[in-house]
N, C-alpha and C. Protein backbone atom coordinates (compact mmCIF):
# COMPACT_ATOMS: atom_id res chain seq x y z
N UNK A 1 164.97 5.06 50.15
CA UNK A 1 165.01 6.52 50.04
C UNK A 1 166.46 6.95 50.37
N UNK A 2 167.00 6.39 51.44
CA UNK A 2 168.38 6.78 51.84
C UNK A 2 169.35 6.71 50.69
N UNK A 3 169.29 5.62 49.91
CA UNK A 3 170.25 5.41 48.84
C UNK A 3 169.89 6.32 47.69
N UNK A 4 168.58 6.60 47.41
CA UNK A 4 168.15 7.47 46.36
C UNK A 4 168.63 8.88 46.49
N UNK A 5 168.78 9.36 47.78
CA UNK A 5 169.28 10.72 47.96
C UNK A 5 170.79 10.73 48.06
N UNK A 6 171.45 9.58 47.93
CA UNK A 6 172.94 9.54 47.99
C UNK A 6 173.52 9.26 49.33
N UNK A 7 172.70 8.91 50.28
CA UNK A 7 173.26 8.66 51.59
C UNK A 7 173.77 9.83 52.30
N UNK A 8 174.57 9.63 53.38
CA UNK A 8 175.15 10.71 54.03
C UNK A 8 176.50 11.10 53.43
N UNK A 9 176.88 12.35 53.62
CA UNK A 9 178.16 12.84 53.09
C UNK A 9 179.05 12.70 54.31
N UNK A 10 180.01 11.77 54.24
CA UNK A 10 180.91 11.56 55.42
C UNK A 10 181.84 12.61 55.65
N UNK A 11 182.11 13.55 54.68
CA UNK A 11 183.03 14.63 54.86
C UNK A 11 182.44 15.75 55.82
N UNK A 12 181.16 15.73 56.02
CA UNK A 12 180.58 16.74 56.92
C UNK A 12 180.24 16.17 58.26
N UNK A 13 180.89 16.61 59.34
CA UNK A 13 180.64 15.96 60.63
C UNK A 13 179.47 16.55 61.37
N UNK A 14 178.73 17.47 60.79
CA UNK A 14 177.58 18.07 61.51
C UNK A 14 176.51 18.49 60.50
N UNK A 15 175.29 18.34 60.81
CA UNK A 15 174.17 18.83 59.98
C UNK A 15 173.70 17.83 58.97
N UNK A 16 173.88 16.52 59.29
CA UNK A 16 173.37 15.49 58.37
C UNK A 16 171.91 15.33 58.29
N UNK A 17 171.26 15.56 59.44
CA UNK A 17 169.78 15.39 59.40
C UNK A 17 169.17 16.45 58.51
N UNK A 18 169.47 17.66 58.65
CA UNK A 18 168.88 18.69 57.65
C UNK A 18 169.25 18.45 56.26
N UNK A 19 170.47 17.93 56.01
CA UNK A 19 170.84 17.63 54.63
C UNK A 19 169.97 16.49 54.08
N UNK A 20 169.75 15.45 54.85
CA UNK A 20 168.95 14.33 54.27
C UNK A 20 167.51 14.77 54.05
N UNK A 21 166.98 15.61 55.01
CA UNK A 21 165.58 16.08 54.79
C UNK A 21 165.48 16.88 53.53
N UNK A 22 166.51 17.79 53.29
CA UNK A 22 166.51 18.61 52.05
C UNK A 22 166.51 17.75 50.88
N UNK A 23 167.34 16.77 50.83
CA UNK A 23 167.49 15.85 49.62
C UNK A 23 166.21 15.09 49.42
N UNK A 24 165.56 14.59 50.44
CA UNK A 24 164.31 13.89 50.33
C UNK A 24 163.28 14.81 49.72
N UNK A 25 163.24 16.08 50.18
CA UNK A 25 162.30 17.07 49.57
C UNK A 25 162.61 17.32 48.11
N UNK A 26 163.85 17.39 47.77
CA UNK A 26 164.24 17.61 46.33
C UNK A 26 163.76 16.57 45.42
N UNK A 27 163.54 15.36 45.95
CA UNK A 27 163.05 14.28 45.14
C UNK A 27 161.50 14.32 45.00
N UNK A 28 160.95 15.41 45.62
CA UNK A 28 159.53 15.53 45.58
C UNK A 28 158.78 14.82 46.65
N UNK A 29 159.46 14.32 47.60
CA UNK A 29 158.80 13.60 48.71
C UNK A 29 158.66 14.52 49.94
N UNK A 30 157.87 14.09 50.84
CA UNK A 30 157.63 14.88 52.11
C UNK A 30 158.35 14.16 53.25
N UNK A 31 158.76 15.01 54.20
CA UNK A 31 159.33 14.49 55.42
C UNK A 31 158.28 14.73 56.48
N UNK A 32 157.92 13.63 57.19
CA UNK A 32 156.78 13.74 58.19
C UNK A 32 157.27 13.08 59.46
N UNK A 33 156.66 13.47 60.55
CA UNK A 33 156.88 12.84 61.80
C UNK A 33 155.60 12.18 62.23
N UNK A 34 155.71 10.90 62.56
CA UNK A 34 154.59 10.07 62.97
C UNK A 34 154.01 10.61 64.29
N UNK A 35 152.70 10.93 64.32
CA UNK A 35 152.13 11.39 65.57
C UNK A 35 152.45 10.52 66.78
N UNK A 36 152.78 11.15 67.82
CA UNK A 36 153.10 10.39 69.09
C UNK A 36 154.58 9.86 69.17
N UNK A 37 155.34 10.13 68.07
CA UNK A 37 156.67 9.72 67.99
C UNK A 37 157.55 10.63 68.86
N UNK A 38 158.59 10.07 69.51
CA UNK A 38 159.46 10.86 70.33
C UNK A 38 160.83 10.87 69.62
N UNK A 39 161.37 12.00 69.37
CA UNK A 39 162.63 12.18 68.64
C UNK A 39 163.52 13.01 69.52
N UNK A 40 164.70 12.46 69.87
CA UNK A 40 165.64 13.24 70.68
C UNK A 40 167.04 12.65 70.57
N UNK A 41 168.02 13.42 70.97
CA UNK A 41 169.35 12.92 71.14
C UNK A 41 169.63 12.88 72.61
N UNK A 42 170.16 11.73 73.13
CA UNK A 42 170.43 11.57 74.51
C UNK A 42 171.65 12.44 74.91
N UNK A 43 171.44 13.21 75.95
CA UNK A 43 172.56 14.06 76.42
C UNK A 43 173.47 13.30 77.36
N UNK A 44 174.73 13.73 77.54
CA UNK A 44 175.56 13.11 78.52
C UNK A 44 174.99 13.31 79.93
N UNK A 45 175.44 12.54 80.92
CA UNK A 45 174.79 12.56 82.23
C UNK A 45 175.20 13.71 83.12
N UNK A 46 176.26 14.52 82.75
CA UNK A 46 176.67 15.57 83.64
C UNK A 46 176.70 16.92 82.87
N UNK A 47 176.61 18.02 83.60
CA UNK A 47 176.64 19.32 82.91
C UNK A 47 177.95 19.58 82.23
N UNK A 48 179.04 19.33 82.92
CA UNK A 48 180.39 19.53 82.19
C UNK A 48 180.43 18.74 80.86
N UNK A 49 180.01 17.51 80.84
CA UNK A 49 180.02 16.72 79.65
C UNK A 49 179.05 17.31 78.58
N UNK A 50 177.88 17.80 79.00
CA UNK A 50 176.96 18.43 78.08
C UNK A 50 177.64 19.66 77.42
N UNK A 51 178.30 20.46 78.27
CA UNK A 51 178.94 21.66 77.72
C UNK A 51 180.07 21.28 76.74
N UNK A 52 180.84 20.27 77.03
CA UNK A 52 181.87 19.78 76.15
C UNK A 52 181.29 19.38 74.82
N UNK A 53 180.13 18.63 74.87
CA UNK A 53 179.42 18.20 73.70
C UNK A 53 179.07 19.41 72.84
N UNK A 54 178.59 20.48 73.45
CA UNK A 54 178.20 21.64 72.68
C UNK A 54 179.37 22.37 72.10
N UNK A 55 180.48 22.44 72.85
CA UNK A 55 181.74 22.97 72.22
C UNK A 55 182.08 22.21 70.99
N UNK A 56 182.09 20.83 71.09
CA UNK A 56 182.42 20.01 69.90
C UNK A 56 181.45 20.25 68.81
N UNK A 57 180.16 20.35 69.08
CA UNK A 57 179.18 20.59 68.01
C UNK A 57 179.46 21.94 67.34
N UNK A 58 179.80 22.92 68.10
CA UNK A 58 180.12 24.21 67.53
C UNK A 58 181.34 24.14 66.68
N UNK A 59 182.35 23.40 67.08
CA UNK A 59 183.54 23.29 66.25
C UNK A 59 183.18 22.58 64.95
N UNK A 60 182.41 21.53 65.06
CA UNK A 60 182.06 20.77 63.81
C UNK A 60 181.12 21.62 62.90
N UNK A 61 180.25 22.42 63.47
CA UNK A 61 179.40 23.30 62.62
C UNK A 61 180.30 24.34 61.95
N UNK A 62 181.34 24.83 62.67
CA UNK A 62 182.23 25.78 61.98
C UNK A 62 183.02 25.15 60.84
N UNK A 63 183.40 23.84 61.06
CA UNK A 63 184.08 23.15 59.99
C UNK A 63 183.24 23.04 58.73
N UNK A 64 181.98 22.71 58.89
CA UNK A 64 181.06 22.66 57.72
C UNK A 64 180.89 24.05 57.12
N UNK A 65 180.69 25.01 57.92
CA UNK A 65 180.52 26.38 57.42
C UNK A 65 181.81 26.83 56.66
N UNK A 66 182.96 26.54 57.16
CA UNK A 66 184.24 26.98 56.56
C UNK A 66 184.56 26.25 55.30
N UNK A 67 184.33 24.89 55.26
CA UNK A 67 184.82 24.13 54.12
C UNK A 67 183.72 23.52 53.19
N UNK A 68 182.52 23.44 53.74
CA UNK A 68 181.43 22.93 52.96
C UNK A 68 180.13 23.78 53.12
N UNK A 69 180.20 25.12 52.83
CA UNK A 69 179.06 26.00 53.18
C UNK A 69 177.78 25.58 52.40
N UNK A 70 177.86 24.83 51.36
CA UNK A 70 176.69 24.41 50.64
C UNK A 70 175.86 23.41 51.48
N UNK A 71 176.46 22.88 52.57
CA UNK A 71 175.76 21.90 53.42
C UNK A 71 175.30 22.60 54.70
N UNK A 72 175.42 23.87 54.83
CA UNK A 72 174.82 24.61 55.99
C UNK A 72 173.32 24.82 55.57
N UNK A 73 172.47 24.12 56.28
CA UNK A 73 171.09 24.07 55.85
C UNK A 73 170.19 24.57 57.02
N UNK A 74 169.42 25.59 56.70
CA UNK A 74 168.53 26.18 57.70
C UNK A 74 167.39 25.19 58.00
N UNK A 75 166.88 25.20 59.22
CA UNK A 75 165.86 24.34 59.62
C UNK A 75 164.58 25.09 60.02
N UNK A 76 163.44 24.50 59.83
CA UNK A 76 162.15 25.09 60.32
C UNK A 76 162.18 25.00 61.84
N UNK A 77 161.58 25.95 62.51
CA UNK A 77 161.60 25.94 64.01
C UNK A 77 160.27 25.46 64.55
N UNK A 78 159.24 25.38 63.69
CA UNK A 78 157.91 24.90 64.14
C UNK A 78 157.36 24.02 63.09
N UNK A 79 156.43 23.13 63.51
CA UNK A 79 155.83 22.17 62.52
C UNK A 79 154.98 22.96 61.48
N UNK A 80 155.19 22.60 60.19
CA UNK A 80 154.40 23.26 59.19
C UNK A 80 155.04 24.54 58.63
N UNK A 81 156.09 25.01 59.27
CA UNK A 81 156.76 26.23 58.78
C UNK A 81 157.55 25.89 57.52
N UNK A 82 157.54 26.89 56.59
CA UNK A 82 158.38 26.65 55.37
C UNK A 82 159.87 26.73 55.84
N UNK A 83 160.66 25.94 55.11
CA UNK A 83 162.07 25.87 55.42
C UNK A 83 162.84 26.94 54.54
N UNK A 84 163.44 27.93 55.12
CA UNK A 84 164.10 28.96 54.26
C UNK A 84 165.31 28.35 53.59
N UNK A 85 165.61 28.79 52.40
CA UNK A 85 166.80 28.22 51.67
C UNK A 85 168.07 28.64 52.41
N UNK A 86 168.20 29.90 52.86
CA UNK A 86 169.34 30.40 53.44
C UNK A 86 169.06 31.57 54.33
N UNK A 87 169.71 31.51 55.49
CA UNK A 87 169.57 32.66 56.39
C UNK A 87 170.92 33.34 56.58
N UNK A 88 170.95 34.70 56.35
CA UNK A 88 172.23 35.44 56.48
C UNK A 88 172.73 35.51 57.93
N UNK A 89 173.98 35.96 58.03
CA UNK A 89 174.60 36.08 59.30
C UNK A 89 173.94 37.06 60.23
N UNK A 90 173.42 38.25 59.76
CA UNK A 90 172.72 39.11 60.69
C UNK A 90 171.51 38.48 61.28
N UNK A 91 170.75 37.80 60.54
CA UNK A 91 169.52 37.18 61.14
C UNK A 91 169.88 36.07 62.08
N UNK A 92 170.89 35.27 61.74
CA UNK A 92 171.33 34.21 62.62
C UNK A 92 171.87 34.77 63.95
N UNK A 93 172.64 35.83 63.80
CA UNK A 93 173.25 36.43 65.04
C UNK A 93 172.14 36.99 65.93
N UNK A 94 171.15 37.70 65.25
CA UNK A 94 170.03 38.25 66.03
C UNK A 94 169.27 37.18 66.72
N UNK A 95 169.00 36.11 66.01
CA UNK A 95 168.26 34.96 66.64
C UNK A 95 169.06 34.42 67.85
N UNK A 96 170.33 34.34 67.71
CA UNK A 96 171.24 33.81 68.78
C UNK A 96 171.10 34.73 70.01
N UNK A 97 171.18 36.01 69.84
CA UNK A 97 171.07 36.98 70.89
C UNK A 97 169.75 36.91 71.55
N UNK A 98 168.69 36.69 70.81
CA UNK A 98 167.32 36.44 71.41
C UNK A 98 167.28 35.23 72.23
N UNK A 99 167.95 34.16 71.75
CA UNK A 99 167.98 32.92 72.55
C UNK A 99 168.81 33.13 73.83
N UNK A 100 169.88 33.83 73.76
CA UNK A 100 170.64 34.13 75.00
C UNK A 100 169.80 34.93 75.94
N UNK A 101 169.12 35.95 75.48
CA UNK A 101 168.28 36.79 76.32
C UNK A 101 167.16 35.99 76.96
N UNK A 102 166.54 35.12 76.17
CA UNK A 102 165.52 34.29 76.70
C UNK A 102 165.93 33.36 77.73
N UNK A 103 167.13 32.76 77.55
CA UNK A 103 167.66 31.86 78.57
C UNK A 103 167.93 32.57 79.89
N UNK A 104 168.53 33.78 79.77
CA UNK A 104 168.73 34.51 81.02
C UNK A 104 167.43 34.94 81.67
N UNK A 105 166.51 35.51 80.92
CA UNK A 105 165.21 35.91 81.48
C UNK A 105 164.46 34.83 82.11
N UNK A 106 164.59 33.63 81.59
CA UNK A 106 163.78 32.50 82.16
C UNK A 106 164.56 31.70 83.19
N UNK A 107 165.88 32.02 83.41
CA UNK A 107 166.71 31.31 84.37
C UNK A 107 167.03 29.89 83.92
N UNK A 108 167.10 29.71 82.69
CA UNK A 108 167.49 28.39 82.13
C UNK A 108 169.06 28.34 81.89
N UNK A 109 169.75 28.13 83.08
CA UNK A 109 171.17 28.32 83.04
C UNK A 109 171.95 27.25 82.25
N UNK A 110 171.48 26.02 82.28
CA UNK A 110 172.18 24.97 81.47
C UNK A 110 171.94 25.23 80.01
N UNK A 111 170.74 25.71 79.58
CA UNK A 111 170.54 26.10 78.19
C UNK A 111 171.45 27.24 77.81
N UNK A 112 171.58 28.24 78.67
CA UNK A 112 172.48 29.37 78.47
C UNK A 112 173.94 28.88 78.28
N UNK A 113 174.30 27.86 79.12
CA UNK A 113 175.64 27.32 79.04
C UNK A 113 175.87 26.64 77.71
N UNK A 114 174.85 25.92 77.22
CA UNK A 114 175.01 25.24 75.94
C UNK A 114 175.11 26.21 74.80
N UNK A 115 174.40 27.31 74.87
CA UNK A 115 174.44 28.34 73.80
C UNK A 115 175.82 28.93 73.78
N UNK A 116 176.35 29.32 74.93
CA UNK A 116 177.72 29.90 74.99
C UNK A 116 178.77 28.96 74.59
N UNK A 117 178.63 27.67 75.06
CA UNK A 117 179.63 26.63 74.66
C UNK A 117 179.68 26.43 73.23
N UNK A 118 178.50 26.33 72.61
CA UNK A 118 178.36 26.12 71.13
C UNK A 118 179.02 27.27 70.41
N UNK A 119 178.74 28.59 70.85
CA UNK A 119 179.33 29.72 70.24
C UNK A 119 180.80 29.74 70.37
N UNK A 120 181.36 29.39 71.55
CA UNK A 120 182.78 29.42 71.71
C UNK A 120 183.44 28.37 70.81
N UNK A 121 182.84 27.17 70.71
CA UNK A 121 183.36 26.13 69.83
C UNK A 121 183.32 26.62 68.40
N UNK A 122 182.21 27.24 68.01
CA UNK A 122 182.07 27.71 66.63
C UNK A 122 183.13 28.73 66.27
N UNK A 123 183.27 29.70 67.18
CA UNK A 123 184.30 30.75 66.88
C UNK A 123 185.70 30.20 66.92
N UNK A 124 186.00 29.25 67.79
CA UNK A 124 187.34 28.62 67.83
C UNK A 124 187.52 27.83 66.52
N UNK A 125 186.53 27.13 66.09
CA UNK A 125 186.64 26.37 64.86
C UNK A 125 186.84 27.26 63.59
N UNK A 126 186.13 28.31 63.54
CA UNK A 126 186.31 29.21 62.42
C UNK A 126 187.79 29.80 62.42
N UNK A 127 188.26 30.08 63.60
CA UNK A 127 189.61 30.69 63.67
C UNK A 127 190.76 29.71 63.42
N UNK A 128 190.53 28.40 63.80
CA UNK A 128 191.70 27.58 63.84
C UNK A 128 191.65 26.33 62.92
N UNK A 129 190.51 25.92 62.46
CA UNK A 129 190.39 24.66 61.68
C UNK A 129 191.04 24.74 60.30
N UNK A 130 191.63 23.60 59.95
CA UNK A 130 192.06 23.45 58.59
C UNK A 130 191.23 22.26 57.99
N UNK A 131 191.24 22.13 56.70
CA UNK A 131 190.36 21.14 56.11
C UNK A 131 190.76 19.69 56.62
N UNK A 132 192.00 19.46 56.98
CA UNK A 132 192.37 18.17 57.41
C UNK A 132 192.31 18.05 58.97
N UNK A 133 191.68 18.97 59.64
CA UNK A 133 191.57 18.95 61.07
C UNK A 133 190.76 17.84 61.66
N UNK A 134 189.63 17.46 61.02
CA UNK A 134 188.69 16.53 61.57
C UNK A 134 188.87 15.23 60.86
């Protein structure tokens, strides 16, 4: 299946999972999660390193948005939810503000830090990246 969808696009440094799921669906196949499976990305062991990771992820997401916007792919947030084709900036910004407010209201300070770190990296990337930057 990986080869049928064309594999990964090495020019995009962020968003490969949603891209591969979209391409599998375009072939008429379904993407499923095996019951009981655990799927996660291991985080660095310290908060400063976690925050640096999220800055980097934000920069790379900005790179994709700036130079390969066709690969910015929205994801479902819950199981069984339809995957929207595209979400505009106002909706994404509103969702981000809600996540910030939720993190503050619930006292999830590390999560709040990751959101802010990602946003700072994203804004920095939009402002400074050139196509040959990464």
